[in-house]
Amino acid sequence: MSFSQAWDAGFRALLLYVGIVFVWLGLIEGLFSSQSTSVVVMNVVAVAIAVAFFLRARRRAVAERARAEAEVRALVEEHI
């Protein structure tokens, strides 16, 4: 995973975290009797989803690089 891909995935994960927080505060927080419990659960959920998004993006980037390297290797072997 290149730096630019990691930067992009990290920024998108951060935006995803912020979006989840806004949705949670607007729609879900009222369902909890304790605000502190709601905040803890919100942060756990938002962090878990953001980290899962980043790891998925990393896995895709690694797989894409492996496919590209295999394609280049096949082309080089074809011309040798």
PDB file of N, CA and C in Angstrom:
ATOM      1  N   MET A   1       0.854  -1.165   0.000  1.00  0.00           N
ATOM      2  CA  MET A   1       0.000   0.000   0.000  1.00  0.00           C
ATOM      3  C   MET A   1       0.898   1.225   0.000  1.00  0.00           C
ATOM      4  N   SER A   2       0.684   2.090  -0.970  1.00  0.00           N
ATOM      5  CA  SER A   2       1.502   3.295  -1.064  1.00  0.00           C
ATOM      6  C   SER A   2       1.035   4.327  -0.043  1.00  0.00           C
ATOM      7  N   PHE A   3       1.873   5.343   0.143  1.00  0.00           N
ATOM      8  CA  PHE A   3       1.535   6.396   1.097  1.00  0.00           C
ATOM      9  C   PHE A   3       0.245   7.100   0.696  1.00  0.00           C
ATOM     10  N   SER A   4       0.095   7.386  -0.588  1.00  0.00           N
ATOM     11  CA  SER A   4      -1.111   8.100  -1.030  1.00  0.00           C
ATOM     12  C   SER A   4      -2.366   7.253  -0.829  1.00  0.00           C
ATOM     13  N   GLN A   5      -2.257   5.957  -1.046  1.00  0.00           N
ATOM     14  CA  GLN A   5      -3.402   5.076  -0.810  1.00  0.00           C
ATOM     15  C   GLN A   5      -3.740   5.015   0.682  1.00  0.00           C
ATOM     16  N   ALA A   6      -2.703   4.938   1.515  1.00  0.00           N
ATOM     17  CA  ALA A   6      -2.927   4.915   2.963  1.00  0.00           C
ATOM     18  C   ALA A   6      -3.528   6.234   3.439  1.00  0.00           C
ATOM     19  N   TRP A   7      -3.023   7.341   2.905  1.00  0.00           N
ATOM     20  CA  TRP A   7      -3.548   8.658   3.272  1.00  0.00           C
ATOM     21  C   TRP A   7      -5.024   8.755   2.888  1.00  0.00           C
ATOM     22  N   ASP A   8      -5.351   8.341   1.681  1.00  0.00           N
ATOM     23  CA  ASP A   8      -6.729   8.399   1.204  1.00  0.00           C
ATOM     24  C   ASP A   8      -7.640   7.511   2.054  1.00  0.00           C
ATOM     25  N   ALA A   9      -7.209   6.297   2.317  1.00  0.00           N
ATOM     26  CA  ALA A   9      -8.019   5.379   3.125  1.00  0.00           C
ATOM     27  C   ALA A   9      -8.166   5.899   4.554  1.00  0.00           C
ATOM     28  N   GLY A  10      -7.100   6.453   5.101  1.00  0.00           N
ATOM     29  CA  GLY A  10      -7.165   7.007   6.452  1.00  0.00           C
ATOM     30  C   GLY A  10      -8.107   8.190   6.542  1.00  0.00           C
ATOM     31  N   PHE A  11      -8.048   9.075   5.544  1.00  0.00           N
ATOM     32  CA  PHE A  11      -8.937  10.234   5.536  1.00  0.00           C
ATOM     33  C   PHE A  11     -10.390   9.805   5.374  1.00  0.00           C
ATOM     34  N   ARG A  12     -10.630   8.840   4.507  1.00  0.00           N
ATOM     35  CA  ARG A  12     -11.998   8.340   4.337  1.00  0.00           C
ATOM     36  C   ARG A  12     -12.496   7.663   5.612  1.00  0.00           C
ATOM     37  N   ALA A  13     -11.613   6.946   6.298  1.00  0.00           N
ATOM     38  CA  ALA A  13     -11.995   6.316   7.566  1.00  0.00           C
ATOM     39  C   ALA A  13     -12.351   7.382   8.600  1.00  0.00           C
ATOM     40  N   LEU A  14     -11.596   8.474   8.619  1.00  0.00           N
ATOM     41  CA  LEU A  14     -11.897   9.574   9.535  1.00  0.00           C
ATOM     42  C   LEU A  14     -13.255  10.195   9.208  1.00  0.00           C
ATOM     43  N   LEU A  15     -13.520  10.419   7.921  1.00  0.00           N
ATOM     44  CA  LEU A  15     -14.819  10.962   7.521  1.00  0.00           C
ATOM     45  C   LEU A  15     -15.951   9.999   7.881  1.00  0.00           C
ATOM     46  N   LEU A  16     -15.701   8.717   7.731  1.00  0.00           N
ATOM     47  CA  LEU A  16     -16.688   7.709   8.103  1.00  0.00           C
ATOM     48  C   LEU A  16     -16.966   7.772   9.602  1.00  0.00           C
ATOM     49  N   TYR A  17     -15.913   7.918  10.397  1.00  0.00           N
ATOM     50  CA  TYR A  17     -16.061   8.042  11.849  1.00  0.00           C
ATOM     51  C   TYR A  17     -16.930   9.249  12.201  1.00  0.00           C
ATOM     52  N   VAL A  18     -16.622  10.394  11.608  1.00  0.00           N
ATOM     53  CA  VAL A  18     -17.379  11.616  11.894  1.00  0.00           C
ATOM     54  C   VAL A  18     -18.838  11.457  11.461  1.00  0.00           C
ATOM     55  N   GLY A  19     -19.060  10.861  10.309  1.00  0.00           N
ATOM     56  CA  GLY A  19     -20.424  10.636   9.847  1.00  0.00           C
ATOM     57  C   GLY A  19     -21.211   9.737  10.780  1.00  0.00           C
ATOM     58  N   ILE A  20     -20.569   8.688  11.269  1.00  0.00           N
ATOM     59  CA  ILE A  20     -21.233   7.780  12.203  1.00  0.00           C
ATOM     60  C   ILE A  20     -21.584   8.510  13.493  1.00  0.00           C
ATOM     61  N   VAL A  21     -20.684   9.367  13.958  1.00  0.00           N
ATOM     62  CA  VAL A  21     -20.952  10.139  15.176  1.00  0.00           C
ATOM     63  C   VAL A  21     -22.178  11.026  14.983  1.00  0.00           C
ATOM     64  N   PHE A  22     -22.259  11.736  13.859  1.00  0.00           N
ATOM     65  CA  PHE A  22     -23.414  12.609  13.619  1.00  0.00           C
ATOM     66  C   PHE A  22     -24.712  11.809  13.529  1.00  0.00           C
ATOM     67  N   VAL A  23     -24.684  10.708  12.810  1.00  0.00           N
ATOM     68  CA  VAL A  23     -25.885   9.874  12.698  1.00  0.00           C
ATOM     69  C   VAL A  23     -26.272   9.330  14.069  1.00  0.00           C
ATOM     70  N   TRP A  24     -25.282   8.880  14.820  1.00  0.00           N
ATOM     71  CA  TRP A  24     -25.552   8.331  16.148  1.00  0.00           C
ATOM     72  C   TRP A  24     -26.189   9.387  17.040  1.00  0.00           C
ATOM     73  N   LEU A  25     -25.588  10.579  17.071  1.00  0.00           N
ATOM     74  CA  LEU A  25     -26.111  11.628  17.945  1.00  0.00           C
ATOM     75  C   LEU A  25     -27.508  12.065  17.523  1.00  0.00           C
ATOM     76  N   GLY A  26     -27.785  12.031  16.237  1.00  0.00           N
ATOM     77  CA  GLY A  26     -29.090  12.463  15.761  1.00  0.00           C
ATOM     78  C   GLY A  26     -30.181  11.421  15.875  1.00  0.00           C
ATOM     79  N   LEU A  27     -29.822  10.151  15.716  1.00  0.00           N
ATOM     80  CA  LEU A  27     -30.857   9.122  15.624  1.00  0.00           C
ATOM     81  C   LEU A  27     -30.853   8.085  16.744  1.00  0.00           C
ATOM     82  N   ILE A  28     -29.698   7.757  17.266  1.00  0.00           N
ATOM     83  CA  ILE A  28     -29.605   6.595  18.153  1.00  0.00           C
ATOM     84  C   ILE A  28     -29.428   6.969  19.620  1.00  0.00           C
ATOM     85  N   GLU A  29     -28.807   8.098  19.901  1.00  0.00           N
ATOM     86  CA  GLU A  29     -28.477   8.427  21.289  1.00  0.00           C
ATOM     87  C   GLU A  29     -29.713   8.487  22.186  1.00  0.00           C
ATOM     88  N   GLY A  30     -30.835   8.917  21.651  1.00  0.00           N
ATOM     89  CA  GLY A  30     -32.055   9.000  22.453  1.00  0.00           C
ATOM     90  C   GLY A  30     -32.562   7.658  22.943  1.00  0.00           C
ATOM     91  N   LEU A  31     -32.117   6.579  22.324  1.00  0.00           N
ATOM     92  CA  LEU A  31     -32.551   5.244  22.732  1.00  0.00           C
ATOM     93  C   LEU A  31     -31.844   4.752  23.992  1.00  0.00           C
ATOM     94  N   PHE A  32     -30.761   5.422  24.390  1.00  0.00           N
ATOM     95  CA  PHE A  32     -30.003   5.035  25.578  1.00  0.00           C
ATOM     96  C   PHE A  32     -30.480   5.844  26.779  1.00  0.00           C
ATOM     97  N   SER A  33     -30.561   5.199  27.922  1.00  0.00           N
ATOM     98  CA  SER A  33     -30.968   5.909  29.135  1.00  0.00           C
ATOM     99  C   SER A  33     -29.822   6.739  29.709  1.00  0.00           C
ATOM    100  N   SER A  34     -28.595   6.316  29.460  1.00  0.00           N
ATOM    101  CA  SER A  34     -27.422   7.023  29.968  1.00  0.00           C
ATOM    102  C   SER A  34     -26.627   7.603  28.795  1.00  0.00           C
ATOM    103  N   GLN A  35     -26.346   8.902  28.882  1.00  0.00           N
ATOM    104  CA  GLN A  35     -25.594   9.544  27.805  1.00  0.00           C
ATOM    105  C   GLN A  35     -24.159   9.035  27.760  1.00  0.00           C
ATOM    106  N   SER A  36     -23.560   8.783  28.913  1.00  0.00           N
ATOM    107  CA  SER A  36     -22.172   8.311  28.923  1.00  0.00           C
ATOM    108  C   SER A  36     -22.063   6.920  28.291  1.00  0.00           C
ATOM    109  N   THR A  37     -23.028   6.065  28.539  1.00  0.00           N
ATOM    110  CA  THR A  37     -23.033   4.745  27.901  1.00  0.00           C
ATOM    111  C   THR A  37     -23.179   4.885  26.395  1.00  0.00           C
ATOM    112  N   SER A  38     -24.047   5.792  25.981  1.00  0.00           N
ATOM    113  CA  SER A  38     -24.247   6.022  24.552  1.00  0.00           C
ATOM    114  C   SER A  38     -22.961   6.488  23.886  1.00  0.00           C
ATOM    115  N   VAL A  39     -22.235   7.389  24.544  1.00  0.00           N
ATOM    116  CA  VAL A  39     -20.993   7.916  23.971  1.00  0.00           C
ATOM    117  C   VAL A  39     -19.939   6.818  23.863  1.00  0.00           C
ATOM    118  N   VAL A  40     -19.845   5.980  24.874  1.00  0.00           N
ATOM    119  CA  VAL A  40     -18.865   4.886  24.841  1.00  0.00           C
ATOM    120  C   VAL A  40     -19.197   3.912  23.713  1.00  0.00           C
ATOM    121  N   VAL A  41     -20.451   3.510  23.624  1.00  0.00           N
ATOM    122  CA  VAL A  41     -20.861   2.573  22.575  1.00  0.00           C
ATOM    123  C   VAL A  41     -20.675   3.209  21.200  1.00  0.00           C
ATOM    124  N   MET A  42     -21.018   4.496  21.076  1.00  0.00           N
ATOM    125  CA  MET A  42     -20.852   5.208  19.807  1.00  0.00           C
ATOM    126  C   MET A  42     -19.391   5.192  19.362  1.00  0.00           C
ATOM    127  N   ASN A  43     -18.481   5.498  20.288  1.00  0.00           N
ATOM    128  CA  ASN A  43     -17.063   5.516  19.932  1.00  0.00           C
ATOM    129  C   ASN A  43     -16.555   4.132  19.559  1.00  0.00           C
ATOM    130  N   VAL A  44     -16.979   3.114  20.278  1.00  0.00           N
ATOM    131  CA  VAL A  44     -16.557   1.747  19.953  1.00  0.00           C
ATOM    132  C   VAL A  44     -17.047   1.360  18.563  1.00  0.00           C
ATOM    133  N   VAL A  45     -18.311   1.640  18.278  1.00  0.00           N
ATOM    134  CA  VAL A  45     -18.879   1.301  16.971  1.00  0.00           C
ATOM    135  C   VAL A  45     -18.186   2.088  15.865  1.00  0.00           C
ATOM    136  N   ALA A  46     -18.008   3.394  16.064  1.00  0.00           N
ATOM    137  CA  ALA A  46     -17.403   4.239  15.030  1.00  0.00           C
ATOM    138  C   ALA A  46     -15.956   3.841  14.764  1.00  0.00           C
ATOM    139  N   VAL A  47     -15.196   3.572  15.813  1.00  0.00           N
ATOM    140  CA  VAL A  47     -13.797   3.162  15.630  1.00  0.00           C
ATOM    141  C   VAL A  47     -13.728   1.803  14.940  1.00  0.00           C
ATOM    142  N   ALA A  48     -14.576   0.874  15.349  1.00  0.00           N
ATOM    143  CA  ALA A  48     -14.565  -0.459  14.733  1.00  0.00           C
ATOM    144  C   ALA A  48     -14.875  -0.374  13.242  1.00  0.00           C
ATOM    145  N   ILE A  49     -15.862   0.421  12.873  1.00  0.00           N
ATOM    146  CA  ILE A  49     -16.222   0.546  11.461  1.00  0.00           C
ATOM    147  C   ILE A  49     -15.126   1.255  10.681  1.00  0.00           C
ATOM    148  N   ALA A  50     -14.534   2.305  11.254  1.00  0.00           N
ATOM    149  CA  ALA A  50     -13.464   3.031  10.568  1.00  0.00           C
ATOM    150  C   ALA A  50     -12.232   2.143  10.373  1.00  0.00           C
ATOM    151  N   VAL A  51     -11.861   1.386  11.391  1.00  0.00           N
ATOM    152  CA  VAL A  51     -10.707   0.484  11.281  1.00  0.00           C
ATOM    153  C   VAL A  51     -10.996  -0.622  10.270  1.00  0.00           C
ATOM    154  N   ALA A  52     -12.205  -1.163  10.295  1.00  0.00           N
ATOM    155  CA  ALA A  52     -12.572  -2.197   9.321  1.00  0.00           C
ATOM    156  C   ALA A  52     -12.501  -1.646   7.903  1.00  0.00           C
ATOM    157  N   PHE A  53     -12.939  -0.410   7.701  1.00  0.00           N
ATOM    158  CA  PHE A  53     -12.861   0.210   6.381  1.00  0.00           C
ATOM    159  C   PHE A  53     -11.405   0.339   5.940  1.00  0.00           C
ATOM    160  N   PHE A  54     -10.531   0.814   6.848  1.00  0.00           N
ATOM    161  CA  PHE A  54      -9.126   0.986   6.496  1.00  0.00           C
ATOM    162  C   PHE A  54      -8.481  -0.356   6.164  1.00  0.00           C
ATOM    163  N   LEU A  55      -8.749  -1.371   6.973  1.00  0.00           N
ATOM    164  CA  LEU A  55      -8.161  -2.692   6.718  1.00  0.00           C
ATOM    165  C   LEU A  55      -8.660  -3.283   5.405  1.00  0.00           C
ATOM    166  N   ARG A  56      -9.930  -3.056   5.089  1.00  0.00           N
ATOM    167  CA  ARG A  56     -10.470  -3.525   3.806  1.00  0.00           C
ATOM    168  C   ARG A  56      -9.788  -2.810   2.645  1.00  0.00           C
ATOM    169  N   ALA A  57      -9.579  -1.510   2.782  1.00  0.00           N
ATOM    170  CA  ALA A  57      -8.892  -0.751   1.733  1.00  0.00           C
ATOM    171  C   ALA A  57      -7.453  -1.236   1.584  1.00  0.00           C
ATOM    172  N   ARG A  58      -6.797  -1.539   2.698  1.00  0.00           N
ATOM    173  CA  ARG A  58      -5.420  -2.048   2.641  1.00  0.00           C
ATOM    174  C   ARG A  58      -5.374  -3.406   1.949  1.00  0.00           C
ATOM    175  N   ARG A  59      -6.316  -4.277   2.303  1.00  0.00           N
ATOM    176  CA  ARG A  59      -6.358  -5.610   1.691  1.00  0.00           C
ATOM    177  C   ARG A  59      -6.589  -5.503   0.185  1.00  0.00           C
ATOM    178  N   ARG A  60      -7.463  -4.597  -0.227  1.00  0.00           N
ATOM    179  CA  ARG A  60      -7.707  -4.399  -1.660  1.00  0.00           C
ATOM    180  C   ARG A  60      -6.469  -3.861  -2.369  1.00  0.00           C
ATOM    181  N   ALA A  61      -5.758  -2.930  -1.735  1.00  0.00           N
ATOM    182  CA  ALA A  61      -4.559  -2.359  -2.355  1.00  0.00           C
ATOM    183  C   ALA A  61      -3.473  -3.418  -2.507  1.00  0.00           C
ATOM    184  N   VAL A  62      -3.303  -4.247  -1.500  1.00  0.00           N
ATOM    185  CA  VAL A  62      -2.299  -5.312  -1.567  1.00  0.00           C
ATOM    186  C   VAL A  62      -2.662  -6.314  -2.661  1.00  0.00           C
ATOM    187  N   ALA A  63      -3.932  -6.673  -2.754  1.00  0.00           N
ATOM    188  CA  ALA A  63      -4.371  -7.613  -3.795  1.00  0.00           C
ATOM    189  C   ALA A  63      -4.204  -7.005  -5.181  1.00  0.00           C
ATOM    190  N   GLU A  64      -4.520  -5.729  -5.318  1.00  0.00           N
ATOM    191  CA  GLU A  64      -4.359  -5.057  -6.611  1.00  0.00           C
ATOM    192  C   GLU A  64      -2.891  -5.016  -7.023  1.00  0.00           C
ATOM    193  N   ARG A  65      -2.016  -4.748  -6.059  1.00  0.00           N
ATOM    194  CA  ARG A  65      -0.584  -4.721  -6.365  1.00  0.00           C
ATOM    195  C   ARG A  65      -0.089  -6.109  -6.763  1.00  0.00           C
ATOM    196  N   ALA A  66      -0.557  -7.129  -6.071  1.00  0.00           N
ATOM    197  CA  ALA A  66      -0.147  -8.499  -6.400  1.00  0.00           C
ATOM    198  C   ALA A  66      -0.605  -8.878  -7.809  1.00  0.00           C
ATOM    199  N   ARG A  67      -1.831  -8.485  -8.175  1.00  0.00           N
ATOM    200  CA  ARG A  67      -2.314  -8.765  -9.535  1.00  0.00           C
ATOM    201  C   ARG A  67      -1.475  -8.031 -10.573  1.00  0.00           C
ATOM    202  N   ALA A  68      -1.132  -6.781 -10.294  1.00  0.00           N
ATOM    203  CA  ALA A  68      -0.330  -6.001 -11.238  1.00  0.00           C
ATOM    204  C   ALA A  68       1.065  -6.598 -11.383  1.00  0.00           C
ATOM    205  N   GLU A  69       1.674  -7.012 -10.272  1.00  0.00           N
ATOM    206  CA  GLU A  69       2.998  -7.624 -10.337  1.00  0.00           C
ATOM    207  C   GLU A  69       2.952  -8.944 -11.095  1.00  0.00           C
ATOM    208  N   ALA A  70       1.895  -9.722 -10.904  1.00  0.00           N
ATOM    209  CA  ALA A  70       1.758 -10.987 -11.631  1.00  0.00           C
ATOM    210  C   ALA A  70       1.590 -10.736 -13.120  1.00  0.00           C
ATOM    211  N   GLU A  71       0.848  -9.703 -13.471  1.00  0.00           N
ATOM    212  CA  GLU A  71       0.667  -9.366 -14.881  1.00  0.00           C
ATOM    213  C   GLU A  71       1.981  -8.923 -15.510  1.00  0.00           C
ATOM    214  N   VAL A  72       2.741  -8.103 -14.801  1.00  0.00           N
ATOM    215  CA  VAL A  72       4.039  -7.659 -15.317  1.00  0.00           C
ATOM    216  C   VAL A  72       4.982  -8.847 -15.441  1.00  0.00           C
ATOM    217  N   ARG A  73       4.989  -9.729 -14.437  1.00  0.00           N
ATOM    218  CA  ARG A  73       5.849 -10.913 -14.471  1.00  0.00           C
ATOM    219  C   ARG A  73       5.501 -11.790 -15.673  1.00  0.00           C
ATOM    220  N   ALA A  74       4.208 -11.955 -15.950  1.00  0.00           N
ATOM    221  CA  ALA A  74       3.780 -12.767 -17.093  1.00  0.00           C
ATOM    222  C   ALA A  74       4.209 -12.125 -18.404  1.00  0.00           C
ATOM    223  N   LEU A  75       4.118 -10.812 -18.498  1.00  0.00           N
ATOM    224  CA  LEU A  75       4.541 -10.122 -19.718  1.00  0.00           C
ATOM    225  C   LEU A  75       6.045 -10.222 -19.922  1.00  0.00           C
ATOM    226  N   VAL A  76       6.808 -10.113 -18.838  1.00  0.00           N
ATOM    227  CA  VAL A  76       8.265 -10.211 -18.939  1.00  0.00           C
ATOM    228  C   VAL A  76       8.665 -11.626 -19.346  1.00  0.00           C
ATOM    229  N   GLU A  77       8.044 -12.628 -18.746  1.00  0.00           N
ATOM    230  CA  GLU A  77       8.360 -14.012 -19.090  1.00  0.00           C
ATOM    231  C   GLU A  77       7.956 -14.333 -20.523  1.00  0.00           C
ATOM    232  N   GLU A  78       6.935 -13.685 -21.006  1.00  0.00           N
ATOM    233  CA  GLU A  78       6.475 -13.905 -22.371  1.00  0.00           C
ATOM    234  C   GLU A  78       7.490 -13.399 -23.387  1.00  0.00           C
ATOM    235  N   HIS A  79       8.185 -12.333 -23.053  1.00  0.00           N
ATOM    236  CA  HIS A  79       9.144 -11.736 -23.982  1.00  0.00           C
ATOM    237  C   HIS A  79      10.556 -12.289 -23.826  1.00  0.00           C
ATOM    238  N   ILE A  80      10.776 -13.146 -22.875  1.00  0.00           N
ATOM    239  CA  ILE A  80      12.125 -13.693 -22.677  1.00  0.00           C
ATOM    240  C   ILE A  80      12.318 -14.920 -23.512  1.00  0.00           C
TER     241      ILE A  80
END
